[in-house]
Amino acid sequence: MIATARRWLKYPLLFLLLGFPYAGVLVYADESAPSSQVTISQVRVGLSDHGPVVLLSADGKTIPVFVDHTVAASIQAALTGEKLPRPLSHDLMHTILESLGGRVVRTVITLKAGTYYGSLTVAFQGQEKVFDSRSSDSIALAIHFHAPIVVGRDMLDAVGRSSFDPKPETL
């Protein structure tokens, strides 16, 4: 119980340490409420003092999404077109979907109670289905399929930073 509480407490502290705006609840992205949406124009992967980070940029602001090393490597490889020696989970899912005639058409990233969520839209046999996912998995698959990554304007305004430069180290 204490370990769980510590795990949840470190994320608000992380936002404060990095200088990101944080106000208790952060942003509640209510999917039933209409919000103008912004398509992410640039995705980068870097290392921060707190580990790998995916940087989603649009309209001069950047949203940091902290990920594990495996997801960071998968996203970086998809961005650069690099083939890894063995397929990672995102590579496998990409291959499976493509071989069955499916494709990712977009992902929407939201923020609820300090946690990023992904809604991955997949087209298959003339239908679209939306899947709940971790934001990092949703981002990785969208990049593999060259699909748009979308965020709410309210989220971009609330947690996006004008400048965020992780260390320019490779993963």
Protein backbone atom coordinates (compact mmCIF):
# COMPACT_ATOMS: atom_id res chain seq x y z
CA MET A 1 0.00 0.00 0.00
CA ILE A 2 2.75 2.47 0.92
CA ALA A 3 4.75 1.54 -2.19
CA THR A 4 1.68 2.20 -4.34
CA ALA A 5 1.12 5.56 -2.70
CA ARG A 6 4.77 6.51 -3.23
CA ARG A 7 4.55 5.51 -6.90
CA TRP A 8 1.54 7.80 -7.44
CA LEU A 9 3.08 10.65 -5.47
CA LYS A 10 6.27 10.77 -7.52
CA TYR A 11 4.53 11.87 -10.75
CA PRO A 12 3.17 15.18 -9.42
CA LEU A 13 6.58 15.78 -7.87
CA LEU A 14 8.20 15.01 -11.21
CA PHE A 15 6.05 17.66 -12.88
CA LEU A 16 7.02 20.19 -10.23
CA LEU A 17 10.73 19.33 -10.47
CA LEU A 18 10.67 19.74 -14.24
CA GLY A 19 8.81 23.02 -13.98
CA PHE A 20 5.60 21.78 -15.56
CA PRO A 21 2.35 23.30 -14.40
CA TYR A 22 0.64 21.10 -11.85
CA ALA A 23 -2.44 21.96 -9.88
CA GLY A 24 -3.55 18.95 -7.88
CA VAL A 25 -5.75 17.27 -10.44
CA LEU A 26 -3.87 18.55 -13.51
CA VAL A 27 -6.33 18.33 -16.39
CA TYR A 28 -9.48 16.29 -16.58
CA ALA A 29 -10.08 15.62 -20.24
CA ASP A 30 -13.76 14.78 -20.29
CA GLU A 31 -14.33 12.92 -23.53
CA SER A 32 -18.02 13.87 -23.53
CA ALA A 33 -17.18 17.58 -23.49
CA PRO A 34 -16.25 19.02 -26.86
CA SER A 35 -12.70 20.28 -27.02
CA SER A 36 -10.89 21.58 -30.03
CA GLN A 37 -8.24 19.10 -31.06
CA VAL A 38 -4.68 19.67 -32.19
CA THR A 39 -2.68 17.29 -34.36
CA ILE A 40 0.85 16.73 -33.12
CA SER A 41 3.33 18.03 -35.70
CA GLN A 42 6.56 16.56 -34.29
CA VAL A 43 7.49 13.56 -32.14
CA ARG A 44 10.95 13.20 -30.62
CA VAL A 45 12.51 10.76 -28.20
CA GLY A 46 15.14 11.79 -25.68
CA LEU A 47 16.57 11.14 -22.27
CA SER A 48 15.82 13.33 -19.29
CA ASP A 49 17.16 13.15 -15.76
CA HIS A 50 14.15 10.94 -15.06
CA GLY A 51 14.56 8.52 -17.96
CA PRO A 52 13.31 8.24 -21.53
CA VAL A 53 10.75 10.80 -22.65
CA VAL A 54 8.64 11.13 -25.77
CA LEU A 55 8.09 14.76 -26.73
CA LEU A 56 4.86 15.61 -28.54
CA SER A 57 5.03 19.06 -30.13
CA ALA A 58 2.38 21.27 -31.71
CA ASP A 59 1.75 24.99 -31.98
CA GLY A 60 5.05 25.88 -30.29
CA LYS A 61 4.37 23.74 -27.20
CA THR A 62 5.74 20.38 -26.14
CA ILE A 63 4.11 17.71 -23.99
CA PRO A 64 6.52 15.27 -22.31
CA VAL A 65 5.36 11.67 -21.94
CA PHE A 66 7.73 9.58 -19.83
CA VAL A 67 8.10 6.01 -21.07
CA ASP A 68 10.19 2.93 -20.39
CA HIS A 69 13.34 2.14 -22.39
CA THR A 70 11.68 -0.52 -24.56
CA VAL A 71 8.87 1.78 -25.68
CA ALA A 72 11.37 4.59 -26.29
CA ALA A 73 13.50 2.27 -28.45
CA SER A 74 10.44 1.14 -30.41
CA ILE A 75 9.28 4.71 -31.04
CA GLN A 76 12.80 5.87 -31.96
CA ALA A 77 13.21 2.98 -34.42
CA ALA A 78 9.81 3.74 -35.99
CA LEU A 79 10.71 7.43 -36.32
CA THR A 80 14.05 6.73 -38.00
CA GLY A 81 13.01 3.66 -40.00
CA GLU A 82 15.64 1.60 -38.21
CA LYS A 83 15.10 -2.15 -38.11
CA LEU A 84 15.88 -3.66 -34.71
CA PRO A 85 17.55 -7.10 -34.57
CA ARG A 86 14.38 -8.65 -33.14
CA PRO A 87 10.83 -7.27 -33.34
CA LEU A 88 9.44 -5.53 -30.29
CA SER A 89 5.75 -5.73 -29.32
CA HIS A 90 4.83 -2.68 -31.41
CA ASP A 91 6.63 -4.13 -34.43
CA LEU A 92 4.72 -7.38 -33.98
CA MET A 93 1.36 -5.61 -33.67
CA HIS A 94 2.17 -3.53 -36.76
CA THR A 95 3.02 -6.68 -38.74
CA ILE A 96 -0.10 -8.52 -37.57
CA LEU A 97 -2.45 -5.63 -38.33
CA GLU A 98 -0.90 -5.03 -41.77
CA SER A 99 -0.99 -8.72 -42.71
CA LEU A 100 -4.70 -8.86 -41.83
CA GLY A 101 -5.47 -5.69 -43.79
CA GLY A 102 -5.89 -3.44 -40.76
CA ARG A 103 -4.28 -0.12 -40.03
CA VAL A 104 -4.11 2.49 -37.29
CA VAL A 105 -5.84 5.63 -38.54
CA ARG A 106 -5.29 7.92 -35.52
CA THR A 107 -4.69 8.07 -31.81
CA VAL A 108 -6.05 10.56 -29.32
CA ILE A 109 -4.02 11.22 -26.17
CA THR A 110 -5.91 12.48 -23.11
CA LEU A 111 -4.95 13.25 -19.53
CA LYS A 112 -7.06 12.15 -16.58
CA ALA A 113 -6.03 12.63 -12.96
CA GLY A 114 -2.35 12.92 -13.91
CA THR A 115 -2.24 9.86 -16.19
CA TYR A 116 -2.03 9.93 -19.98
CA TYR A 117 -4.40 7.63 -21.88
CA GLY A 118 -4.46 6.61 -25.51
CA SER A 119 -7.50 5.93 -27.68
CA LEU A 120 -6.22 4.02 -30.69
CA THR A 121 -8.50 3.94 -33.74
CA VAL A 122 -7.98 0.92 -35.99
CA ALA A 123 -9.61 0.46 -39.40
CA PHE A 124 -10.32 -3.12 -40.49
CA GLN A 125 -12.63 -4.43 -43.20
CA GLY A 126 -14.37 -1.09 -43.70
CA GLN A 127 -15.02 -0.50 -39.99
CA GLU A 128 -13.24 1.55 -37.36
CA LYS A 129 -12.87 0.43 -33.77
CA VAL A 130 -11.41 2.46 -30.90
CA PHE A 131 -9.21 0.69 -28.36
CA ASP A 132 -8.19 1.95 -24.93
CA SER A 133 -4.41 1.79 -24.54
CA ARG A 134 -1.43 3.15 -22.72
CA SER A 135 -0.49 6.46 -24.28
CA SER A 136 3.00 5.21 -25.09
CA ASP A 137 1.69 2.12 -26.95
CA SER A 138 -0.82 4.25 -28.79
CA ILE A 139 1.90 6.72 -29.82
CA ALA A 140 4.23 3.92 -30.93
CA LEU A 141 1.59 2.27 -33.13
CA ALA A 142 0.49 5.59 -34.61
CA ILE A 143 4.09 6.28 -35.61
CA HIS A 144 4.49 2.80 -37.11
CA PHE A 145 1.41 3.45 -39.29
CA HIS A 146 2.19 7.14 -39.97
CA ALA A 147 -1.16 7.99 -38.37
CA PRO A 148 -1.97 11.34 -36.76
CA ILE A 149 -1.53 11.80 -33.02
CA VAL A 150 -4.16 14.15 -31.63
CA VAL A 151 -4.45 15.97 -28.28
CA GLY A 152 -7.04 18.35 -26.89
CA ARG A 153 -6.28 22.06 -27.08
CA ASP A 154 -7.05 22.30 -23.34
CA MET A 155 -4.44 19.63 -22.55
CA LEU A 156 -1.81 21.22 -24.79
CA ASP A 157 -2.42 24.60 -23.14
CA ALA A 158 -2.37 23.12 -19.62
CA VAL A 159 0.70 20.84 -19.73
CA GLY A 160 2.54 21.88 -22.88
CA ARG A 161 5.79 23.75 -22.32
CA SER A 162 7.29 26.34 -24.61
CA SER A 163 10.69 24.69 -24.37
CA PHE A 164 11.77 21.27 -23.22
CA ASP A 165 15.15 19.93 -24.22
CA PRO A 166 16.09 16.52 -22.93
CA LYS A 167 19.69 15.42 -23.08
CA PRO A 168 20.63 14.73 -26.70
CA GLU A 169 21.74 11.19 -25.89
CA THR A 170 20.80 8.20 -27.93
CA LEU A 171 18.87 5.34 -26.44
